[in-house]
Amino acid sequence: MNLNEATLENVEYMIDTIKSKLKMATAAAMQSTHFDLARYEDIKDLYDVVISKPSFSISEVEALVSELGKLRNS
C-alpha cells in the first residue's frame, strides 16, 4: 500500500490503524467516511506519529484523539 497517494482507501486504512493502535473506546463513532481527502496530509502526519511509538500515555492518547477529532468533517 502506497500511503503517499491521497485515496479514500488509504484514509480508511490509516484511520482504522490509528483507532486500533490507540484502542479507542469511541472507535465506532470515528468512521473513515467522516474525513475529507483535502485533509489527507494531516491524517498521514497523525498516522505517522501513531505508528512510530509502541505505546502511549493516557494524556498522549487524549491529545491524539483530540487532533483526530479536529480533522473530521464538520
C-alpha atoms as a PDB file:
ATOM      1  CA  MET A   1       0.000   0.000   0.000  1.00  0.00           C
ATOM      2  CA  ASN A   2       1.375   3.374  -1.027  1.00  0.00           C
ATOM      3  CA  LEU A   3       0.261   5.862   1.602  1.00  0.00           C
ATOM      4  CA  ASN A   4       1.784   8.717  -0.371  1.00  0.00           C
ATOM      5  CA  GLU A   5      -1.285   8.637  -2.623  1.00  0.00           C
ATOM      6  CA  ALA A   6      -4.349  10.512  -1.354  1.00  0.00           C
ATOM      7  CA  THR A   7      -7.081   7.912  -1.789  1.00  0.00           C
ATOM      8  CA  LEU A   8     -10.189   7.058   0.202  1.00  0.00           C
ATOM      9  CA  GLU A   9      -8.807   3.544   0.707  1.00  0.00           C
ATOM     10  CA  ASN A  10      -5.646   4.964   2.277  1.00  0.00           C
ATOM     11  CA  VAL A  11      -7.689   7.239   4.561  1.00  0.00           C
ATOM     12  CA  GLU A  12      -9.734   4.230   5.665  1.00  0.00           C
ATOM     13  CA  TYR A  13      -6.583   2.192   6.335  1.00  0.00           C
ATOM     14  CA  MET A  14      -4.896   4.972   8.326  1.00  0.00           C
ATOM     15  CA  ILE A  15      -7.998   5.787  10.407  1.00  0.00           C
ATOM     16  CA  ASP A  16      -8.560   2.094  11.181  1.00  0.00           C
ATOM     17  CA  THR A  17      -4.898   1.699  12.164  1.00  0.00           C
ATOM     18  CA  ILE A  18      -4.998   4.783  14.400  1.00  0.00           C
ATOM     19  CA  LYS A  19      -8.189   3.585  16.103  1.00  0.00           C
ATOM     20  CA  SER A  20      -6.728   0.134  16.663  1.00  0.00           C
ATOM     21  CA  LYS A  21      -3.367   1.354  17.936  1.00  0.00           C
ATOM     22  CA  LEU A  22      -4.941   3.865  20.329  1.00  0.00           C
ATOM     23  CA  LYS A  23      -7.531   1.303  21.460  1.00  0.00           C
ATOM     24  CA  MET A  24     -10.188   3.975  21.164  1.00  0.00           C
ATOM     25  CA  ALA A  25     -13.327   3.335  23.183  1.00  0.00           C
ATOM     26  CA  THR A  26     -15.266   5.501  20.741  1.00  0.00           C
ATOM     27  CA  ALA A  27     -13.808   3.871  17.640  1.00  0.00           C
ATOM     28  CA  ALA A  28     -17.235   3.049  16.201  1.00  0.00           C
ATOM     29  CA  ALA A  29     -18.082   6.755  16.128  1.00  0.00           C
ATOM     30  CA  MET A  30     -14.904   7.579  14.203  1.00  0.00           C
ATOM     31  CA  GLN A  31     -15.516   6.326  10.658  1.00  0.00           C
ATOM     32  CA  SER A  32     -13.169   6.923   7.746  1.00  0.00           C
ATOM     33  CA  THR A  33     -16.097   8.441   5.828  1.00  0.00           C
ATOM     34  CA  HIS A  34     -16.029  11.329   8.328  1.00  0.00           C
ATOM     35  CA  PHE A  35     -12.740  12.538   6.840  1.00  0.00           C
ATOM     36  CA  ASP A  36     -12.133  14.553   3.683  1.00  0.00           C
ATOM     37  CA  LEU A  37      -9.321  13.849   1.219  1.00  0.00           C
ATOM     38  CA  ALA A  38      -8.429  17.535   1.488  1.00  0.00           C
ATOM     39  CA  ARG A  39      -7.062  16.753   4.976  1.00  0.00           C
ATOM     40  CA  TYR A  40      -5.042  13.758   3.738  1.00  0.00           C
ATOM     41  CA  GLU A  41      -1.624  15.153   4.655  1.00  0.00           C
ATOM     42  CA  ASP A  42      -2.800  15.987   8.185  1.00  0.00           C
ATOM     43  CA  ILE A  43      -4.243  12.491   8.612  1.00  0.00           C
ATOM     44  CA  LYS A  44      -0.996  10.993   7.281  1.00  0.00           C
ATOM     45  CA  ASP A  45       1.046  13.081   9.745  1.00  0.00           C
ATOM     46  CA  LEU A  46      -1.089  11.851  12.640  1.00  0.00           C
ATOM     47  CA  TYR A  47      -0.833   8.283  11.352  1.00  0.00           C
ATOM     48  CA  ASP A  48       2.969   8.571  11.183  1.00  0.00           C
ATOM     49  CA  VAL A  49       3.090   9.741  14.817  1.00  0.00           C
ATOM     50  CA  VAL A  50       0.845   6.904  15.982  1.00  0.00           C
ATOM     51  CA  ILE A  51       2.740   4.124  14.224  1.00  0.00           C
ATOM     52  CA  SER A  52       6.108   5.471  15.360  1.00  0.00           C
ATOM     53  CA  LYS A  53       5.525   4.717  19.056  1.00  0.00           C
ATOM     54  CA  PRO A  54       4.987   1.332  20.704  1.00  0.00           C
ATOM     55  CA  SER A  55       2.713   2.713  23.421  1.00  0.00           C
ATOM     56  CA  PHE A  56       1.093   5.921  24.640  1.00  0.00           C
ATOM     57  CA  SER A  57       0.297   7.557  27.947  1.00  0.00           C
ATOM     58  CA  ILE A  58      -3.308   8.438  28.674  1.00  0.00           C
ATOM     59  CA  SER A  59      -2.605  12.124  28.051  1.00  0.00           C
ATOM     60  CA  GLU A  60      -0.957  11.301  24.712  1.00  0.00           C
ATOM     61  CA  VAL A  61      -3.977   9.234  23.653  1.00  0.00           C
ATOM     62  CA  GLU A  62      -6.288  12.084  24.637  1.00  0.00           C
ATOM     63  CA  ALA A  63      -4.215  14.587  22.641  1.00  0.00           C
ATOM     64  CA  LEU A  64      -4.063  12.334  19.578  1.00  0.00           C
ATOM     65  CA  VAL A  65      -7.796  11.622  19.695  1.00  0.00           C
ATOM     66  CA  SER A  66      -8.437  15.342  20.038  1.00  0.00           C
ATOM     67  CA  GLU A  67      -6.321  16.022  16.951  1.00  0.00           C
ATOM     68  CA  LEU A  68      -8.114  13.282  15.063  1.00  0.00           C
ATOM     69  CA  GLY A  69     -11.426  14.850  16.031  1.00  0.00           C
ATOM     70  CA  LYS A  70     -10.285  18.198  14.634  1.00  0.00           C
ATOM     71  CA  LEU A  71      -9.635  16.559  11.269  1.00  0.00           C
ATOM     72  CA  ARG A  72     -13.189  15.214  10.964  1.00  0.00           C
ATOM     73  CA  ASN A  73     -15.678  16.858   8.638  1.00  0.00           C
ATOM     74  CA  SER A  74     -17.985  19.251  10.449  1.00  0.00           C
END
